[in-house]
C-alpha atoms as a PDB file:
ATOM      1  CA  UNK A   1      -9.328  15.723  -4.736  1.00  0.00           C
ATOM      2  CA  UNK A   2      -6.027  16.468  -3.049  1.00  0.00           C
ATOM      3  CA  UNK A   3      -5.490  18.510   0.057  1.00  0.00           C
ATOM      4  CA  UNK A   4      -3.116  21.476   0.022  1.00  0.00           C
ATOM      5  CA  UNK A   5       0.433  20.553   0.898  1.00  0.00           C
ATOM      6  CA  UNK A   6       2.071  22.080   3.907  1.00  0.00           C
ATOM      7  CA  UNK A   7       5.819  22.730   3.714  1.00  0.00           C
ATOM      8  CA  UNK A   8       6.729  21.094   7.036  1.00  0.00           C
ATOM      9  CA  UNK A   9       4.843  17.857   6.251  1.00  0.00           C
ATOM     10  CA  UNK A  10       6.322  15.001   4.222  1.00  0.00           C
ATOM     11  CA  UNK A  11       3.697  14.046   1.636  1.00  0.00           C
ATOM     12  CA  UNK A  12       3.612  10.490   0.339  1.00  0.00           C
ATOM     13  CA  UNK A  13       1.166   8.146  -1.354  1.00  0.00           C
ATOM     14  CA  UNK A  14       0.693   4.438  -1.774  1.00  0.00           C
ATOM     15  CA  UNK A  15      -1.708   1.618  -2.413  1.00  0.00           C
ATOM     16  CA  UNK A  16      -3.037  -1.467  -0.758  1.00  0.00           C
ATOM     17  CA  UNK A  17      -2.261  -3.619  -3.791  1.00  0.00           C
ATOM     18  CA  UNK A  18      -4.425  -6.700  -4.226  1.00  0.00           C
ATOM     19  CA  UNK A  19      -5.178  -9.449  -6.718  1.00  0.00           C
ATOM     20  CA  UNK A  20      -7.669 -12.258  -7.023  1.00  0.00           C
ATOM     21  CA  UNK A  21      -6.412 -15.646  -5.831  1.00  0.00           C
ATOM     22  CA  UNK A  22      -6.128 -18.295  -8.503  1.00  0.00           C
ATOM     23  CA  UNK A  23      -9.135 -20.579  -8.629  1.00  0.00           C
ATOM     24  CA  UNK A  24     -11.394 -18.963  -6.015  1.00  0.00           C
ATOM     25  CA  UNK A  25     -13.092 -15.741  -4.994  1.00  0.00           C
ATOM     26  CA  UNK A  26     -10.502 -14.821  -2.368  1.00  0.00           C
ATOM     27  CA  UNK A  27      -7.901 -12.089  -2.699  1.00  0.00           C
ATOM     28  CA  UNK A  28      -4.238 -11.694  -1.849  1.00  0.00           C
ATOM     29  CA  UNK A  29      -2.517  -8.503  -0.730  1.00  0.00           C
ATOM     30  CA  UNK A  30       0.984  -7.509  -1.779  1.00  0.00           C
ATOM     31  CA  UNK A  31       3.429  -6.420   0.913  1.00  0.00           C
ATOM     32  CA  UNK A  32       6.907  -5.050   0.332  1.00  0.00           C
ATOM     33  CA  UNK A  33      10.001  -5.623   2.466  1.00  0.00           C
ATOM     34  CA  UNK A  34      12.216  -2.572   2.889  1.00  0.00           C
ATOM     35  CA  UNK A  35      15.706  -3.661   3.956  1.00  0.00           C
ATOM     36  CA  UNK A  36      16.615  -0.154   5.170  1.00  0.00           C
ATOM     37  CA  UNK A  37      13.963  -0.439   7.901  1.00  0.00           C
ATOM     38  CA  UNK A  38      13.667  -4.248   7.941  1.00  0.00           C
ATOM     39  CA  UNK A  39       9.904  -3.894   7.803  1.00  0.00           C
ATOM     40  CA  UNK A  40       6.888  -5.073   5.821  1.00  0.00           C
ATOM     41  CA  UNK A  41       4.517  -2.423   4.499  1.00  0.00           C
ATOM     42  CA  UNK A  42       2.225  -1.457   1.666  1.00  0.00           C
ATOM     43  CA  UNK A  43       3.986   0.029  -1.360  1.00  0.00           C
ATOM     44  CA  UNK A  44       4.308   3.777  -0.857  1.00  0.00           C
ATOM     45  CA  UNK A  45       6.732   6.645  -1.237  1.00  0.00           C
ATOM     46  CA  UNK A  46       7.309  10.368  -1.194  1.00  0.00           C
ATOM     47  CA  UNK A  47       5.568  12.478  -3.773  1.00  0.00           C
ATOM     48  CA  UNK A  48       7.564  14.453  -6.288  1.00  0.00           C
ATOM     49  CA  UNK A  49       7.061  18.221  -6.367  1.00  0.00           C
ATOM     50  CA  UNK A  50       3.545  19.026  -7.652  1.00  0.00           C
ATOM     51  CA  UNK A  51       2.841  15.325  -8.290  1.00  0.00           C
ATOM     52  CA  UNK A  52      -0.790  14.263  -8.073  1.00  0.00           C
ATOM     53  CA  UNK A  53      -1.129  11.882  -5.084  1.00  0.00           C
ATOM     54  CA  UNK A  54      -2.897   9.133  -7.056  1.00  0.00           C
ATOM     55  CA  UNK A  55      -0.320   9.312  -9.844  1.00  0.00           C
ATOM     56  CA  UNK A  56       2.413   9.121  -7.206  1.00  0.00           C
ATOM     57  CA  UNK A  57       0.770   6.136  -5.538  1.00  0.00           C
ATOM     58  CA  UNK A  58       0.589   4.240  -8.836  1.00  0.00           C
ATOM     59  CA  UNK A  59       4.183   5.201  -9.676  1.00  0.00           C
ATOM     60  CA  UNK A  60       5.365   3.870  -6.323  1.00  0.00           C
ATOM     61  CA  UNK A  61       3.449   0.600  -6.816  1.00  0.00           C
ATOM     62  CA  UNK A  62       5.133   0.104 -10.189  1.00  0.00           C
ATOM     63  CA  UNK A  63       8.593   1.024  -8.871  1.00  0.00           C
ATOM     64  CA  UNK A  64       8.352  -1.129  -5.750  1.00  0.00           C
ATOM     65  CA  UNK A  65       6.427  -4.171  -7.020  1.00  0.00           C
ATOM     66  CA  UNK A  66       6.791  -4.218 -10.805  1.00  0.00           C
ATOM     67  CA  UNK A  67       3.001  -4.204 -11.179  1.00  0.00           C
ATOM     68  CA  UNK A  68       0.828  -1.800 -13.099  1.00  0.00           C
ATOM     69  CA  UNK A  69      -2.307  -1.239 -11.023  1.00  0.00           C
ATOM     70  CA  UNK A  70      -5.891  -0.208 -11.588  1.00  0.00           C
ATOM     71  CA  UNK A  71      -6.900   2.262  -8.877  1.00  0.00           C
ATOM     72  CA  UNK A  72     -10.007   1.688  -6.836  1.00  0.00           C
ATOM     73  CA  UNK A  73     -11.527   3.459  -3.851  1.00  0.00           C
ATOM     74  CA  UNK A  74      -9.599   5.986  -1.846  1.00  0.00           C
ATOM     75  CA  UNK A  75      -8.583   4.620   1.553  1.00  0.00           C
ATOM     76  CA  UNK A  76      -7.904   6.570   4.755  1.00  0.00           C
ATOM     77  CA  UNK A  77      -4.978   8.962   4.834  1.00  0.00           C
ATOM     78  CA  UNK A  78      -2.434   8.003   7.468  1.00  0.00           C
ATOM     79  CA  UNK A  79      -0.672  10.624   9.606  1.00  0.00           C
ATOM     80  CA  UNK A  80       2.392   9.988  11.770  1.00  0.00           C
ATOM     81  CA  UNK A  81       5.781  11.396  12.741  1.00  0.00           C
ATOM     82  CA  UNK A  82       8.817  10.159  10.787  1.00  0.00           C
ATOM     83  CA  UNK A  83      12.311  11.400  11.543  1.00  0.00           C
ATOM     84  CA  UNK A  84      10.871  14.198  13.672  1.00  0.00           C
ATOM     85  CA  UNK A  85       8.584  15.533  10.915  1.00  0.00           C
ATOM     86  CA  UNK A  86       4.873  15.040  10.312  1.00  0.00           C
ATOM     87  CA  UNK A  87       4.168  12.616   7.479  1.00  0.00           C
ATOM     88  CA  UNK A  88       0.909  12.235   5.558  1.00  0.00           C
ATOM     89  CA  UNK A  89       0.382   9.196   3.331  1.00  0.00           C
ATOM     90  CA  UNK A  90      -2.611   9.108   0.983  1.00  0.00           C
ATOM     91  CA  UNK A  91      -3.741   5.580   0.095  1.00  0.00           C
ATOM     92  CA  UNK A  92      -5.904   3.909  -2.524  1.00  0.00           C
ATOM     93  CA  UNK A  93      -7.030   0.374  -3.095  1.00  0.00           C
ATOM     94  CA  UNK A  94      -5.484  -0.863  -6.344  1.00  0.00           C
ATOM     95  CA  UNK A  95      -5.900  -4.116  -8.235  1.00  0.00           C
ATOM     96  CA  UNK A  96      -2.684  -5.533  -9.674  1.00  0.00           C
ATOM     97  CA  UNK A  97      -2.623  -6.047 -13.393  1.00  0.00           C
ATOM     98  CA  UNK A  98      -0.923  -9.300 -14.273  1.00  0.00           C
ATOM     99  CA  UNK A  99       1.725 -10.261 -14.885  1.00  0.00           C
ATOM    100  CA  UNK A 100       4.028  -8.065 -12.853  1.00  0.00           C
ATOM    101  CA  UNK A 101       7.803  -8.001 -13.128  1.00  0.00           C
ATOM    102  CA  UNK A 102       9.358  -7.512  -9.688  1.00  0.00           C
ATOM    103  CA  UNK A 103      13.103  -6.918  -9.551  1.00  0.00           C
ATOM    104  CA  UNK A 104      14.724  -6.720  -6.091  1.00  0.00           C
ATOM    105  CA  UNK A 105      16.562  -3.467  -5.433  1.00  0.00           C
ATOM    106  CA  UNK A 106      18.037  -1.399  -2.587  1.00  0.00           C
ATOM    107  CA  UNK A 107      14.669   0.051  -1.637  1.00  0.00           C
ATOM    108  CA  UNK A 108      12.552  -3.126  -1.795  1.00  0.00           C
ATOM    109  CA  UNK A 109      14.249  -6.514  -1.756  1.00  0.00           C
ATOM    110  CA  UNK A 110      11.182  -8.794  -1.501  1.00  0.00           C
ATOM    111  CA  UNK A 111       7.455  -8.818  -2.086  1.00  0.00           C
ATOM    112  CA  UNK A 112       4.900 -11.339  -0.861  1.00  0.00           C
ATOM    113  CA  UNK A 113       1.277 -12.018  -1.775  1.00  0.00           C
ATOM    114  CA  UNK A 114      -0.774 -13.060   1.242  1.00  0.00           C
ATOM    115  CA  UNK A 115      -4.404 -13.608   2.212  1.00  0.00           C
ATOM    116  CA  UNK A 116      -5.749 -10.574   4.137  1.00  0.00           C
ATOM    117  CA  UNK A 117      -5.547 -12.153   7.617  1.00  0.00           C
ATOM    118  CA  UNK A 118      -1.953 -13.198   7.071  1.00  0.00           C
ATOM    119  CA  UNK A 119      -1.047  -9.839   5.527  1.00  0.00           C
ATOM    120  CA  UNK A 120      -2.333  -8.112   8.682  1.00  0.00           C
ATOM    121  CA  UNK A 121       0.019 -10.259  10.765  1.00  0.00           C
ATOM    122  CA  UNK A 122       3.052  -9.543   8.564  1.00  0.00           C
ATOM    123  CA  UNK A 123       2.598  -5.760   8.531  1.00  0.00           C
ATOM    124  CA  UNK A 124       5.133  -4.154  10.847  1.00  0.00           C
ATOM    125  CA  UNK A 125       3.141  -1.016  11.698  1.00  0.00           C
ATOM    126  CA  UNK A 126      -0.295  -1.350  13.339  1.00  0.00           C
ATOM    127  CA  UNK A 127      -1.491   1.697  11.377  1.00  0.00           C
ATOM    128  CA  UNK A 128      -1.078  -0.323   8.156  1.00  0.00           C
ATOM    129  CA  UNK A 129      -3.342  -3.127   9.417  1.00  0.00           C
ATOM    130  CA  UNK A 130      -6.366  -0.830   9.487  1.00  0.00           C
ATOM    131  CA  UNK A 131      -5.929  -0.253   5.739  1.00  0.00           C
ATOM    132  CA  UNK A 132      -6.399  -3.994   5.128  1.00  0.00           C
ATOM    133  CA  UNK A 133      -9.652  -3.892   7.097  1.00  0.00           C
ATOM    134  CA  UNK A 134     -10.919  -0.922   5.087  1.00  0.00           C
ATOM    135  CA  UNK A 135      -9.937  -2.600   1.812  1.00  0.00           C
ATOM    136  CA  UNK A 136     -11.939  -5.709   2.735  1.00  0.00           C
ATOM    137  CA  UNK A 137     -14.925  -3.520   3.602  1.00  0.00           C
ATOM    138  CA  UNK A 138     -14.630  -1.507   0.376  1.00  0.00           C
ATOM    139  CA  UNK A 139     -14.394  -4.624  -1.771  1.00  0.00           C
ATOM    140  CA  UNK A 140     -17.381  -6.156   0.006  1.00  0.00           C
ATOM    141  CA  UNK A 141     -15.604  -9.400   0.760  1.00  0.00           C
ATOM    142  CA  UNK A 142     -17.606 -11.621   3.080  1.00  0.00           C
ATOM    143  CA  UNK A 143     -16.238 -13.253   6.178  1.00  0.00           C
ATOM    144  CA  UNK A 144     -13.851 -12.173   8.871  1.00  0.00           C
ATOM    145  CA  UNK A 145     -10.150 -11.634   8.606  1.00  0.00           C
ATOM    146  CA  UNK A 146      -9.266 -11.970  12.259  1.00  0.00           C
ATOM    147  CA  UNK A 147      -8.978  -8.334  13.225  1.00  0.00           C
ATOM    148  CA  UNK A 148      -7.294  -7.497  16.507  1.00  0.00           C
END
């Protein structure tokens, strides 16, 4: 269910992309490096006109990471100001389908796969760290991840 779009708000969507670690029950989270901002974030991007937010989130994951993804639970929507305008980013948990085929480009030059606690530390924006916590809760993973 998508919320109505307001003309003054930038609407975007993305995913907290995850995969199972080889050989154990742990997971890894994919982060993308955007050279334009020199930051680490979850894959996300602006929605095209009339694009369904989930479809846009999965499109952005594919474009930025080279991975097809299977969507999971909806995660919190994040609101903030970017370039003087309100921005709303809808997020979903999404499991990476393997293998992916990442190709560095102008928008995203690197990706990393990290355990949740380490991913939290790498994320540039504090608002993105909360999404890792919610993902862990949604997936029902036991143990702590060192939240701050």
